[in-house]
Amino acid sequence: MKITLVRHGETEENYEGNLQGRKNVLLNDTGRRQCKRLHDRIIDKKYDYCYMSPLVRCVETAMILIGDRVEMIPDKRLIEREIGEFEGKPKDTYDIKLYWNLELDKNDDGVEPIKELIGRCQDFYNYIIEKHKDESILIVTHSAPYRVLRHILFNHDLSGDLFDGNIVNCQIEEFEI
């Protein structure tokens, strides 16, 4: 089985350096160009299915990447982490070490607890592993689910600090299972 992870293209919130949780916004022009460049890189790749977050920035990314070449399936488990009162605020107002530490599992200010994010990502991973054993799956999601799925795919220890750097817009990684 092959799993390909992609983070959605850039939005205005990304460009402005603001936090963007579940706010449902389109890509900006830069994001669309990022997706087109990635499309050109993966045009010859074969995918059996594309799973994506139902938020419009992921749907738009998936449409640009693969159009109607494969069935696209929205899945709520791939939605971005709820960031509560930090939505739309500058990134430096959000304490990454606090909200990405499993031992703390903070949900202050309406932030989705990390255990819940891990739980839904693990559930999604278990589902596709069982359903698509010998297939190639494209997953278009957001930085938080991307990061957790990456930890799961690398079989990392999920305790302690889980923040491992930025996941940039239109980042792509392929994994053989």
Protein backbone atom coordinates (compact mmCIF):
# COMPACT_ATOMS: atom_id res chain seq x y z
CA MET A 1 0.00 0.00 0.00
CA LYS A 2 1.14 3.52 -0.76
CA ILE A 3 -0.04 6.58 1.16
CA THR A 4 0.69 10.09 -0.09
CA LEU A 5 0.11 12.99 2.30
CA VAL A 6 -0.44 16.51 1.00
CA ARG A 7 -1.15 19.69 2.91
CA HIS A 8 -3.52 22.13 1.18
CA GLY A 9 -2.25 25.14 -0.76
CA GLU A 10 -1.86 28.60 0.74
CA THR A 11 -4.81 30.71 1.90
CA GLU A 12 -4.88 34.41 2.81
CA GLU A 13 -4.78 33.46 6.52
CA ASN A 14 -1.62 31.41 5.88
CA TYR A 15 -0.08 34.29 3.93
CA GLU A 16 -0.86 36.79 6.69
CA GLY A 17 0.65 34.52 9.37
CA ASN A 18 -2.64 33.99 11.18
CA LEU A 19 -3.88 30.79 12.75
CA GLN A 20 -6.52 29.01 10.74
CA GLY A 21 -8.38 26.14 12.30
CA ARG A 22 -11.75 25.21 10.91
CA LYS A 23 -12.45 28.50 9.18
CA ASN A 24 -13.71 27.48 5.74
CA VAL A 25 -11.83 29.56 3.14
CA LEU A 26 -10.65 29.17 -0.43
CA LEU A 27 -7.03 29.06 -1.56
CA ASN A 28 -5.43 32.34 -2.61
CA ASP A 29 -3.75 32.77 -6.00
CA THR A 30 -0.40 31.62 -4.60
CA GLY A 31 -2.07 28.50 -3.20
CA ARG A 32 -3.60 27.71 -6.57
CA ARG A 33 -0.19 28.11 -8.26
CA GLN A 34 1.39 25.83 -5.61
CA CYS A 35 -1.25 23.20 -6.35
CA LYS A 36 -0.75 23.51 -10.11
CA ARG A 37 3.02 23.01 -9.69
CA LEU A 38 2.39 19.98 -7.49
CA HIS A 39 -0.16 18.68 -10.02
CA ASP A 40 2.52 18.84 -12.71
CA ARG A 41 4.90 16.85 -10.47
CA ILE A 42 2.39 14.08 -9.74
CA ILE A 43 0.54 13.93 -13.08
CA ASP A 44 1.95 10.48 -13.86
CA LYS A 45 1.29 9.02 -10.42
CA LYS A 46 -1.56 6.56 -10.05
CA TYR A 47 -3.93 6.92 -7.12
CA ASP A 48 -6.85 4.62 -6.46
CA TYR A 49 -8.66 7.03 -4.11
CA CYS A 50 -8.27 10.52 -2.72
CA TYR A 51 -9.41 11.21 0.83
CA MET A 52 -9.63 14.82 1.90
CA SER A 53 -10.81 17.10 4.62
CA PRO A 54 -14.26 18.48 3.78
CA LEU A 55 -13.03 22.06 4.29
CA VAL A 56 -13.02 23.92 0.98
CA ARG A 57 -9.26 24.63 0.92
CA CYS A 58 -8.58 20.87 0.89
CA VAL A 59 -11.34 20.12 -1.61
CA GLU A 60 -9.99 22.84 -3.92
CA THR A 61 -6.44 21.48 -3.52
CA ALA A 62 -7.59 17.95 -4.36
CA MET A 63 -9.53 19.17 -7.40
CA ILE A 64 -6.46 20.95 -8.77
CA LEU A 65 -4.18 17.99 -8.02
CA ILE A 66 -6.25 15.16 -9.47
CA GLY A 67 -9.45 16.59 -10.91
CA ASP A 68 -11.72 13.71 -11.80
CA ARG A 69 -9.00 11.07 -12.24
CA VAL A 70 -10.03 9.19 -9.08
CA GLU A 71 -12.88 9.11 -6.63
CA MET A 72 -12.55 11.87 -4.04
CA ILE A 73 -13.93 11.10 -0.59
CA PRO A 74 -14.39 13.81 2.06
CA ASP A 75 -13.67 12.52 5.56
CA LYS A 76 -14.36 14.55 8.72
CA ARG A 77 -11.51 12.81 10.54
CA LEU A 78 -9.11 14.79 8.32
CA ILE A 79 -10.51 18.21 9.28
CA GLU A 80 -8.12 20.71 10.86
CA ARG A 81 -7.69 20.82 14.61
CA GLU A 82 -10.17 23.08 16.39
CA ILE A 83 -8.14 26.02 17.70
CA GLY A 84 -10.94 27.83 19.50
CA GLU A 85 -10.19 31.40 20.48
CA PHE A 86 -6.93 31.43 18.52
CA GLU A 87 -8.78 31.31 15.17
CA GLY A 88 -7.63 34.22 13.00
CA LYS A 89 -5.03 35.44 15.50
CA PRO A 90 -1.29 35.77 14.79
CA LYS A 91 0.64 32.50 15.14
CA ASP A 92 2.77 33.86 17.99
CA THR A 93 -0.29 34.02 20.27
CA TYR A 94 -0.52 30.21 20.25
CA ASP A 95 1.90 28.28 22.52
CA ILE A 96 2.96 25.30 20.40
CA LYS A 97 4.76 23.60 23.30
CA LEU A 98 1.59 23.76 25.39
CA TYR A 99 -0.87 22.51 22.80
CA TRP A 100 1.34 19.86 21.15
CA ASN A 101 2.43 18.08 24.31
CA LEU A 102 0.51 14.85 24.81
CA GLU A 103 1.34 14.71 28.52
CA LEU A 104 -0.31 18.11 29.03
CA ASP A 105 -3.21 17.42 26.60
CA LYS A 106 -4.45 21.00 27.00
CA ASN A 107 -7.81 22.12 25.70
CA ASP A 108 -7.78 25.65 27.11
CA ASP A 109 -9.43 28.39 25.06
CA GLY A 110 -11.41 25.87 23.01
CA VAL A 111 -8.40 24.08 21.48
CA GLU A 112 -9.12 20.45 20.57
CA PRO A 113 -7.17 18.18 22.94
CA ILE A 114 -4.24 16.47 21.24
CA LYS A 115 -5.56 13.05 22.33
CA GLU A 116 -8.76 13.67 20.35
CA LEU A 117 -6.78 14.69 17.26
CA ILE A 118 -4.58 11.60 17.56
CA GLY A 119 -7.66 9.42 18.11
CA ARG A 120 -9.44 10.53 14.95
CA CYS A 121 -6.26 10.34 12.87
CA GLN A 122 -5.50 6.84 14.20
CA ASP A 123 -9.09 5.79 13.45
CA PHE A 124 -8.77 7.12 9.89
CA TYR A 125 -5.41 5.37 9.40
CA ASN A 126 -6.79 2.04 10.69
CA TYR A 127 -9.76 2.40 8.33
CA ILE A 128 -7.72 2.99 5.17
CA ILE A 129 -5.19 0.28 6.05
CA GLU A 130 -8.03 -2.22 6.35
CA LYS A 131 -10.07 -0.99 3.35
CA HIS A 132 -7.27 -0.28 0.86
CA LYS A 133 -4.61 -2.93 1.53
CA ASP A 134 -2.96 -2.97 -1.92
CA GLU A 135 -3.96 0.43 -3.23
CA SER A 136 -2.44 3.88 -3.57
CA ILE A 137 -4.17 6.55 -1.51
CA LEU A 138 -3.80 10.32 -1.76
CA ILE A 139 -4.70 12.21 1.43
CA VAL A 140 -5.23 16.00 1.30
CA THR A 141 -5.44 17.53 4.74
CA HIS A 142 -4.23 20.30 7.05
CA SER A 143 -1.03 20.76 9.01
CA ALA A 144 -2.23 19.26 12.32
CA PRO A 145 -3.73 16.01 10.93
CA TYR A 146 -0.80 15.78 8.47
CA ARG A 147 1.65 15.99 11.39
CA VAL A 148 -0.19 13.32 13.42
CA LEU A 149 -0.59 10.98 10.44
CA ARG A 150 3.11 11.41 9.73
CA HIS A 151 3.94 10.39 13.32
CA ILE A 152 1.68 7.35 12.94
CA LEU A 153 3.20 6.39 9.57
CA PHE A 154 6.74 6.69 10.97
CA ASN A 155 5.60 4.68 14.01
CA HIS A 156 6.86 7.39 16.37
CA ASP A 157 6.27 7.35 20.09
CA LEU A 158 3.21 9.57 20.54
CA SER A 159 4.07 10.79 24.03
CA GLY A 160 5.56 14.12 24.98
CA ASP A 161 6.20 16.93 22.51
CA LEU A 162 4.66 16.08 19.11
CA PHE A 163 5.44 19.32 17.30
CA ASP A 164 8.22 18.55 14.83
CA GLY A 165 8.49 21.69 12.73
CA ASN A 166 6.34 23.39 10.17
CA ILE A 167 4.36 21.55 7.52
CA VAL A 168 4.41 23.97 4.59
CA ASN A 169 1.59 24.55 2.13
CA CYS A 170 1.47 21.88 -0.59
CA GLN A 171 4.01 19.73 1.24
CA ILE A 172 3.94 16.16 -0.05
CA GLU A 173 5.35 12.92 1.32
CA GLU A 174 4.94 9.35 0.13
CA PHE A 175 4.93 6.30 2.40
CA GLU A 176 5.10 2.60 1.53
CA ILE A 177 3.18 0.46 4.05
